[in-house]
Amino acid sequence: MERCYISGMDIATYLSDQKMSQSAFAGLLGVSQGLVYQWLTGRRPISAERCLSIERATNGAVTRRDLRPRDYQNIWPDLAVVSEPS
């Protein structure tokens, strides 16, 4: 069985689509607007701990996989694409 994954979106796209400010998004997460800005500009990586709260705050529009594409399968093995041999 193969799990299909359709690429989601990043935080900037989500904020734009929702017409939400960095400050409002930060309030949802209980972080500063400055930290959201740092995520958006790549000055600070999004910690694995924050990824789950972002996924929840966006109702899954921005997923942990979207936020950490290079290492999500190491952090959350349940999200790794699984395929059975043919």
C-alpha atoms as a PDB file:
ATOM      1  CA  MET A   1       0.000   0.000   0.000  1.00  0.00           C
ATOM      2  CA  GLU A   2       1.302   3.406  -0.915  1.00  0.00           C
ATOM      3  CA  ARG A   3       0.368   6.569   0.895  1.00  0.00           C
ATOM      4  CA  CYS A   4      -0.213   9.412  -1.471  1.00  0.00           C
ATOM      5  CA  TYR A   5       1.007  12.829  -0.420  1.00  0.00           C
ATOM      6  CA  ILE A   6       0.038  15.998  -2.205  1.00  0.00           C
ATOM      7  CA  SER A   7       2.344  18.840  -1.357  1.00  0.00           C
ATOM      8  CA  GLY A   8       0.738  21.383   0.892  1.00  0.00           C
ATOM      9  CA  MET A   9       1.864  24.897   1.476  1.00  0.00           C
ATOM     10  CA  ASP A  10       4.275  26.969   3.458  1.00  0.00           C
ATOM     11  CA  ILE A  11       3.443  29.444   6.194  1.00  0.00           C
ATOM     12  CA  ALA A  12       3.756  32.502   3.942  1.00  0.00           C
ATOM     13  CA  THR A  13       1.254  31.083   1.471  1.00  0.00           C
ATOM     14  CA  TYR A  14      -1.107  30.123   4.271  1.00  0.00           C
ATOM     15  CA  LEU A  15      -0.986  33.605   5.785  1.00  0.00           C
ATOM     16  CA  SER A  16      -1.600  35.177   2.402  1.00  0.00           C
ATOM     17  CA  ASP A  17      -4.488  32.842   1.557  1.00  0.00           C
ATOM     18  CA  GLN A  18      -6.093  33.411   4.945  1.00  0.00           C
ATOM     19  CA  LYS A  19      -5.363  37.146   4.892  1.00  0.00           C
ATOM     20  CA  MET A  20      -3.793  36.678   8.309  1.00  0.00           C
ATOM     21  CA  SER A  21      -1.035  38.804   9.775  1.00  0.00           C
ATOM     22  CA  GLN A  22       2.151  37.413  11.243  1.00  0.00           C
ATOM     23  CA  SER A  23       1.038  38.833  14.560  1.00  0.00           C
ATOM     24  CA  ALA A  24      -2.335  37.056  14.481  1.00  0.00           C
ATOM     25  CA  PHE A  25      -0.638  33.779  13.526  1.00  0.00           C
ATOM     26  CA  ALA A  26       1.882  34.223  16.320  1.00  0.00           C
ATOM     27  CA  GLY A  27      -1.002  34.734  18.740  1.00  0.00           C
ATOM     28  CA  LEU A  28      -2.534  31.417  17.693  1.00  0.00           C
ATOM     29  CA  LEU A  29       0.738  29.679  18.458  1.00  0.00           C
ATOM     30  CA  GLY A  30       1.662  31.591  21.590  1.00  0.00           C
ATOM     31  CA  VAL A  31       4.916  32.885  20.094  1.00  0.00           C
ATOM     32  CA  SER A  32       6.160  36.338  19.154  1.00  0.00           C
ATOM     33  CA  GLN A  33       5.581  37.950  15.780  1.00  0.00           C
ATOM     34  CA  GLY A  34       9.347  38.266  15.576  1.00  0.00           C
ATOM     35  CA  LEU A  35       9.738  34.494  15.709  1.00  0.00           C
ATOM     36  CA  VAL A  36       7.194  34.031  12.906  1.00  0.00           C
ATOM     37  CA  TYR A  37       9.140  36.602  10.870  1.00  0.00           C
ATOM     38  CA  GLN A  38      12.364  34.669  11.480  1.00  0.00           C
ATOM     39  CA  TRP A  39      10.701  31.454  10.263  1.00  0.00           C
ATOM     40  CA  LEU A  40       9.420  33.197   7.151  1.00  0.00           C
ATOM     41  CA  THR A  41      12.793  34.686   6.279  1.00  0.00           C
ATOM     42  CA  GLY A  42      14.736  31.519   7.080  1.00  0.00           C
ATOM     43  CA  ARG A  43      16.698  33.193   9.841  1.00  0.00           C
ATOM     44  CA  ARG A  44      15.549  30.593  12.310  1.00  0.00           C
ATOM     45  CA  PRO A  45      14.454  27.040  11.534  1.00  0.00           C
ATOM     46  CA  ILE A  46      11.094  25.838  12.796  1.00  0.00           C
ATOM     47  CA  SER A  47      11.652  23.413  15.640  1.00  0.00           C
ATOM     48  CA  ALA A  48      10.109  19.969  15.470  1.00  0.00           C
ATOM     49  CA  GLU A  49       8.055  20.839  18.548  1.00  0.00           C
ATOM     50  CA  ARG A  50       6.500  23.859  16.823  1.00  0.00           C
ATOM     51  CA  CYS A  51       5.669  21.959  13.642  1.00  0.00           C
ATOM     52  CA  LEU A  52       2.855  20.007  15.275  1.00  0.00           C
ATOM     53  CA  SER A  53       1.303  23.159  16.753  1.00  0.00           C
ATOM     54  CA  ILE A  54       1.498  24.859  13.340  1.00  0.00           C
ATOM     55  CA  GLU A  55      -0.149  21.863  11.679  1.00  0.00           C
ATOM     56  CA  ARG A  56      -2.948  22.000  14.253  1.00  0.00           C
ATOM     57  CA  ALA A  57      -3.350  25.791  14.093  1.00  0.00           C
ATOM     58  CA  THR A  58      -3.701  25.640  10.308  1.00  0.00           C
ATOM     59  CA  ASN A  59      -6.089  22.666  10.452  1.00  0.00           C
ATOM     60  CA  GLY A  60      -3.601  20.645   8.444  1.00  0.00           C
ATOM     61  CA  ALA A  61      -3.162  23.159   5.636  1.00  0.00           C
ATOM     62  CA  VAL A  62       0.521  23.460   6.570  1.00  0.00           C
ATOM     63  CA  THR A  63       1.801  20.062   7.606  1.00  0.00           C
ATOM     64  CA  ARG A  64       4.839  18.845   9.500  1.00  0.00           C
ATOM     65  CA  ARG A  65       6.003  17.330   6.221  1.00  0.00           C
ATOM     66  CA  ASP A  66       5.724  20.732   4.520  1.00  0.00           C
ATOM     67  CA  LEU A  67       7.677  22.406   7.301  1.00  0.00           C
ATOM     68  CA  ARG A  68      10.498  19.847   7.557  1.00  0.00           C
ATOM     69  CA  PRO A  69      10.735  18.140   4.142  1.00  0.00           C
ATOM     70  CA  ARG A  70      14.307  16.964   4.647  1.00  0.00           C
ATOM     71  CA  ASP A  71      13.930  15.195   7.971  1.00  0.00           C
ATOM     72  CA  TYR A  72      10.241  14.709   8.760  1.00  0.00           C
ATOM     73  CA  GLN A  73      10.503  10.926   8.298  1.00  0.00           C
ATOM     74  CA  ASN A  74      13.211  10.764  10.978  1.00  0.00           C
ATOM     75  CA  ILE A  75      11.232  12.853  13.451  1.00  0.00           C
ATOM     76  CA  TRP A  76       7.776  11.416  12.690  1.00  0.00           C
ATOM     77  CA  PRO A  77       8.244   7.919  11.214  1.00  0.00           C
ATOM     78  CA  ASP A  78       4.464   7.503  10.964  1.00  0.00           C
ATOM     79  CA  LEU A  79       4.461  10.168   8.222  1.00  0.00           C
ATOM     80  CA  ALA A  80       7.012   8.398   6.044  1.00  0.00           C
ATOM     81  CA  VAL A  81       5.730   7.191   2.700  1.00  0.00           C
ATOM     82  CA  VAL A  82       5.277   3.457   2.908  1.00  0.00           C
ATOM     83  CA  SER A  83       5.105   1.231  -0.117  1.00  0.00           C
ATOM     84  CA  GLU A  84       4.666  -2.520  -0.159  1.00  0.00           C
ATOM     85  CA  PRO A  85       6.738  -4.623  -2.507  1.00  0.00           C
ATOM     86  CA  SER A  86       4.984  -5.525  -5.741  1.00  0.00           C
END
